Amino acid sequence: MTVDRTNRPLLDPAEHVALARSILSCPASVGLVVDGCPDAVLDDTVGMQDAGGTPTFSCPADSPLAAAGQERRNVLLTLRSGLGEPGSPERDHRLTLAGQLRAHAAEACACCDASRVRVTLEVDLTLLGTETGEASVRVPSDALRSPVHHLNRGYLQRSAEHAGTSHQDELRHAVATATGTPLPDVLGVTLRDLTTTGVHVHWVDVDGGHVARVEFPRAARTPAELGELLRRELHSGLR
């Protein structure tokens, strides 16, 4: 790694790819511009996910974005970094992706009778830059899809955040069971510093705040394996 005149570290090519994939997995905000289709926007009915390094949108079958996917429209996708804490230097990074949309077969929604379409972005240009306007670096688009980056920093951070917001009851039950604390006395649980080898568990009960590091018996190699290790070790690793 070298250093520029401003003493800011310059990443090597492999680190560029890792950072780009992490931002794709953990954006603070997402901007979408579809050529010739100003109504194709992200809103409460249309969201973006990182599916193995491919930006993927789930939208109603009759939405402008679904139509843009059928028409193979060109698109520009801009993601602001959500890595680290708000206000940290990591939030200064920006990822820009350009390519063509592609709509896939409509599927019935699992929670209602509506039909939804999966639209993917076939990326042919990836640029990694900053919010302060420094020169962008081109990143090989196909490298984003490498399995090496499936358990990237952004994915790990977002997984921990998701567990705390969407699986609070399960986390409280795990802590109560593992520590022998009555469930009503466990007031809240968060996960932090999730890695492939373990996680810090923070919880608050009637006696105050607590922190414990749960180590996995082996390093997770895939997202599915990480989820299984996390569920199992949260019940046993706190004892």
Protein backbone atom coordinates (compact mmCIF):
# COMPACT_ATOMS: atom_id res chain seq x y z
CA MET A 1 0.00 0.00 0.00
CA THR A 2 1.30 3.48 -0.89
CA VAL A 3 0.42 6.92 0.42
CA ASP A 4 -0.49 10.02 -1.61
CA ARG A 5 0.48 13.63 -0.94
CA THR A 6 -2.40 14.11 1.47
CA ASN A 7 -1.21 11.12 3.52
CA ARG A 8 -4.42 9.24 2.75
CA PRO A 9 -3.73 5.50 2.24
CA LEU A 10 -4.13 4.28 -1.34
CA LEU A 11 -5.74 0.85 -1.63
CA ASP A 12 -4.30 -1.87 -3.83
CA PRO A 13 -6.53 -3.43 -6.54
CA ALA A 14 -7.68 -6.33 -4.34
CA GLU A 15 -8.70 -3.90 -1.60
CA HIS A 16 -10.59 -1.80 -4.15
CA VAL A 17 -12.71 -4.82 -5.05
CA ALA A 18 -13.30 -5.75 -1.40
CA LEU A 19 -14.37 -2.20 -0.54
CA ALA A 20 -16.63 -1.92 -3.59
CA ARG A 21 -18.40 -5.19 -2.75
CA SER A 22 -18.76 -4.13 0.89
CA ILE A 23 -20.46 -0.89 -0.14
CA LEU A 24 -22.77 -2.82 -2.47
CA SER A 25 -23.76 -5.01 0.48
CA CYS A 26 -24.10 -2.13 2.93
CA PRO A 27 -25.13 1.16 1.32
CA ALA A 28 -26.32 4.13 3.34
CA SER A 29 -28.36 5.32 0.36
CA VAL A 30 -29.02 4.23 -3.21
CA GLY A 31 -29.65 6.47 -6.19
CA LEU A 32 -31.10 5.11 -9.44
CA VAL A 33 -31.27 6.80 -12.84
CA VAL A 34 -32.83 4.82 -15.70
CA ASP A 35 -32.29 6.10 -19.23
CA GLY A 36 -35.55 7.37 -20.72
CA CYS A 37 -37.63 6.27 -17.72
CA PRO A 38 -37.80 8.94 -14.99
CA ASP A 39 -40.63 7.12 -13.20
CA ALA A 40 -38.43 4.08 -12.46
CA VAL A 41 -37.39 4.90 -8.89
CA LEU A 42 -36.67 3.14 -5.63
CA ASP A 43 -39.45 3.57 -3.07
CA ASP A 44 -41.39 1.58 -0.48
CA THR A 45 -42.43 -0.94 -3.14
CA VAL A 46 -39.04 -1.32 -4.83
CA GLY A 47 -35.86 -2.24 -2.99
CA MET A 48 -32.31 -3.21 -3.91
CA GLN A 49 -30.27 -6.13 -2.62
CA ASP A 50 -26.80 -7.45 -3.26
CA ALA A 51 -27.35 -10.93 -4.70
CA GLY A 52 -23.91 -12.49 -4.95
CA GLY A 53 -22.36 -9.27 -6.25
CA THR A 54 -25.22 -8.45 -8.62
CA PRO A 55 -27.51 -5.49 -7.80
CA THR A 56 -31.01 -6.96 -7.72
CA PHE A 57 -34.38 -5.23 -7.43
CA SER A 58 -37.72 -6.69 -6.41
CA CYS A 59 -40.63 -4.70 -7.79
CA PRO A 60 -44.34 -5.02 -8.66
CA ALA A 61 -44.90 -6.56 -12.06
CA ASP A 62 -46.69 -3.42 -13.28
CA SER A 63 -44.02 -0.99 -12.03
CA PRO A 64 -41.96 1.31 -14.29
CA LEU A 65 -38.79 -0.47 -13.17
CA ALA A 66 -40.14 -3.85 -14.26
CA ALA A 67 -40.98 -2.34 -17.66
CA ALA A 68 -37.49 -0.82 -17.87
CA GLY A 69 -36.05 -4.26 -17.20
CA GLN A 70 -38.12 -5.77 -19.99
CA GLU A 71 -36.84 -3.05 -22.33
CA ARG A 72 -33.22 -3.61 -21.25
CA ARG A 73 -32.76 0.04 -20.36
CA ASN A 74 -29.39 1.48 -19.46
CA VAL A 75 -29.04 2.51 -15.84
CA LEU A 76 -26.73 4.38 -13.47
CA LEU A 77 -26.70 3.24 -9.85
CA THR A 78 -24.96 5.31 -7.16
CA LEU A 79 -24.44 3.97 -3.64
CA ARG A 80 -23.14 5.93 -0.66
CA SER A 81 -21.18 3.85 1.82
CA GLY A 82 -22.96 2.67 4.95
CA LEU A 83 -19.84 1.07 6.40
CA GLY A 84 -18.81 1.89 9.95
CA GLU A 85 -20.44 4.42 12.22
CA PRO A 86 -22.17 7.55 10.90
CA GLY A 87 -19.60 10.29 10.44
CA SER A 88 -16.66 7.91 10.13
CA PRO A 89 -14.22 8.23 7.18
CA GLU A 90 -15.61 4.98 5.75
CA ARG A 91 -18.87 6.80 5.00
CA ASP A 92 -17.03 9.07 2.56
CA HIS A 93 -16.78 6.36 -0.12
CA ARG A 94 -19.13 6.17 -3.09
CA LEU A 95 -19.75 3.34 -5.56
CA THR A 96 -21.08 3.99 -9.06
CA LEU A 97 -22.33 1.15 -11.28
CA ALA A 98 -23.47 1.39 -14.88
CA GLY A 99 -25.02 -1.26 -17.12
CA GLN A 100 -28.27 -2.71 -18.43
CA LEU A 101 -31.36 -3.85 -16.58
CA ARG A 102 -32.77 -7.31 -17.14
CA ALA A 103 -36.22 -8.46 -16.01
CA HIS A 104 -36.82 -12.06 -14.98
CA ALA A 105 -40.04 -14.07 -14.85
CA ALA A 106 -42.77 -12.73 -12.57
CA GLU A 107 -43.36 -14.62 -9.32
CA ALA A 108 -46.14 -14.59 -6.77
CA CYS A 109 -45.27 -12.65 -3.62
CA ALA A 110 -44.88 -14.86 -0.54
CA CYS A 111 -46.87 -12.51 1.69
CA CYS A 112 -49.70 -11.41 -0.63
CA ASP A 113 -51.40 -12.14 -3.94
CA ALA A 114 -49.40 -9.55 -5.87
CA SER A 115 -47.02 -10.53 -8.65
CA ARG A 116 -43.43 -9.32 -8.39
CA VAL A 117 -40.57 -9.22 -10.84
CA ARG A 118 -36.88 -9.63 -10.11
CA VAL A 119 -34.80 -7.14 -12.06
CA THR A 120 -31.03 -7.44 -12.15
CA LEU A 121 -28.37 -4.99 -13.25
CA GLU A 122 -25.81 -6.42 -15.65
CA VAL A 123 -22.86 -4.22 -14.67
CA ASP A 124 -20.27 -3.25 -17.26
CA LEU A 125 -18.68 -0.28 -15.43
CA THR A 126 -17.78 -0.02 -11.74
CA LEU A 127 -16.21 3.12 -10.25
CA LEU A 128 -15.08 3.59 -6.67
CA GLY A 129 -14.83 7.19 -5.54
CA THR A 130 -15.49 9.54 -2.63
CA GLU A 131 -18.10 12.08 -1.67
CA THR A 132 -15.40 14.78 -1.71
CA GLY A 133 -14.91 14.37 -5.45
CA GLU A 134 -11.48 12.73 -5.55
CA ALA A 135 -10.56 10.80 -8.69
CA SER A 136 -12.54 7.58 -9.07
CA VAL A 137 -10.89 4.19 -9.53
CA ARG A 138 -12.24 1.64 -11.99
CA VAL A 139 -12.91 -1.78 -10.45
CA PRO A 140 -13.30 -5.01 -12.48
CA SER A 141 -17.06 -5.60 -12.45
CA ASP A 142 -16.80 -9.38 -12.68
CA ALA A 143 -14.57 -9.45 -9.57
CA LEU A 144 -17.52 -8.22 -7.47
CA ARG A 145 -19.24 -11.56 -8.03
CA SER A 146 -16.34 -13.67 -6.73
CA PRO A 147 -17.33 -16.01 -3.86
CA VAL A 148 -14.26 -14.69 -2.05
CA HIS A 149 -16.27 -11.54 -1.28
CA HIS A 150 -19.61 -13.09 -0.27
CA LEU A 151 -18.76 -12.64 3.43
CA ASN A 152 -17.53 -9.08 3.00
CA ARG A 153 -17.43 -6.41 5.69
CA GLY A 154 -20.64 -4.81 4.51
CA TYR A 155 -22.51 -8.11 4.51
CA LEU A 156 -21.30 -8.87 8.03
CA GLN A 157 -22.24 -5.42 9.31
CA ARG A 158 -25.67 -5.47 7.70
CA SER A 159 -26.32 -9.01 8.99
CA ALA A 160 -25.61 -7.91 12.56
CA GLU A 161 -27.83 -4.86 12.16
CA HIS A 162 -30.62 -6.95 10.64
CA ALA A 163 -30.48 -9.42 13.52
CA GLY A 164 -30.87 -6.62 16.07
CA THR A 165 -33.81 -4.96 14.34
CA SER A 166 -35.71 -7.92 12.85
CA HIS A 167 -34.90 -10.80 15.21
CA GLN A 168 -34.97 -9.10 18.60
CA ASP A 169 -37.28 -11.69 20.17
CA GLU A 170 -34.99 -14.55 19.08
CA LEU A 171 -31.94 -12.73 20.44
CA ARG A 172 -33.62 -12.05 23.78
CA HIS A 173 -34.65 -15.72 24.05
CA ALA A 174 -31.08 -16.82 23.24
CA VAL A 175 -29.55 -14.56 25.90
CA ALA A 176 -32.18 -15.51 28.48
CA THR A 177 -31.63 -19.23 27.87
CA ALA A 178 -27.85 -19.04 27.77
CA THR A 179 -27.48 -16.89 30.89
CA GLY A 180 -30.36 -18.23 32.95
CA THR A 181 -31.99 -14.79 33.06
CA PRO A 182 -35.80 -14.56 33.08
CA LEU A 183 -36.92 -13.47 29.63
CA PRO A 184 -38.80 -10.36 30.85
CA ASP A 185 -35.57 -9.18 32.48
CA VAL A 186 -33.67 -9.17 29.16
CA LEU A 187 -34.57 -5.74 27.83
CA GLY A 188 -32.61 -5.58 24.58
CA VAL A 189 -29.85 -7.29 22.60
CA THR A 190 -27.55 -6.09 19.81
CA LEU A 191 -24.81 -7.82 17.83
CA ARG A 192 -21.59 -6.00 16.93
CA ASP A 193 -18.26 -6.75 15.30
CA LEU A 194 -19.59 -9.83 13.51
CA THR A 195 -16.83 -11.70 11.70
CA THR A 196 -16.53 -15.16 10.17
CA THR A 197 -15.12 -16.41 13.48
CA GLY A 198 -17.37 -14.83 16.10
CA VAL A 199 -19.46 -11.90 17.33
CA HIS A 200 -19.79 -9.54 20.29
CA VAL A 201 -23.18 -9.78 22.00
CA HIS A 202 -24.36 -6.70 23.90
CA TRP A 203 -27.44 -6.90 26.07
CA VAL A 204 -29.20 -4.94 28.76
CA ASP A 205 -31.10 -6.56 31.60
CA VAL A 206 -32.41 -5.34 34.96
CA ASP A 207 -28.85 -5.43 36.35
CA GLY A 208 -27.36 -3.23 33.64
CA GLY A 209 -25.35 -3.70 30.47
CA HIS A 210 -23.29 -6.75 29.53
CA VAL A 211 -20.93 -7.73 26.71
CA ALA A 212 -19.71 -11.18 25.73
CA ARG A 213 -17.66 -12.43 22.82
CA VAL A 214 -19.00 -15.59 21.21
CA GLU A 215 -16.37 -17.54 19.27
CA PHE A 216 -17.42 -19.96 16.55
CA PRO A 217 -15.85 -23.44 16.53
CA ARG A 218 -14.68 -22.81 12.96
CA ALA A 219 -14.62 -19.95 10.50
CA ALA A 220 -17.77 -19.60 8.39
CA ARG A 221 -17.13 -20.08 4.67
CA THR A 222 -20.54 -19.16 3.24
CA PRO A 223 -23.46 -16.92 4.26
CA ALA A 224 -25.58 -20.00 5.01
CA GLU A 225 -22.86 -21.44 7.25
CA LEU A 226 -22.48 -18.11 9.02
CA GLY A 227 -26.20 -18.04 9.79
CA GLU A 228 -26.16 -21.57 11.14
CA LEU A 229 -23.11 -20.94 13.34
CA LEU A 230 -24.60 -17.72 14.65
CA ARG A 231 -27.92 -19.33 15.60
CA ARG A 232 -26.27 -22.29 17.28
CA GLU A 233 -23.49 -20.53 19.14
CA LEU A 234 -25.66 -17.72 20.49
CA HIS A 235 -27.50 -20.35 22.54
CA SER A 236 -24.38 -22.15 23.80
CA GLY A 237 -21.47 -19.72 23.55
CA LEU A 238 -22.69 -17.30 26.23
CA ARG A 239 -22.67 -19.92 28.97
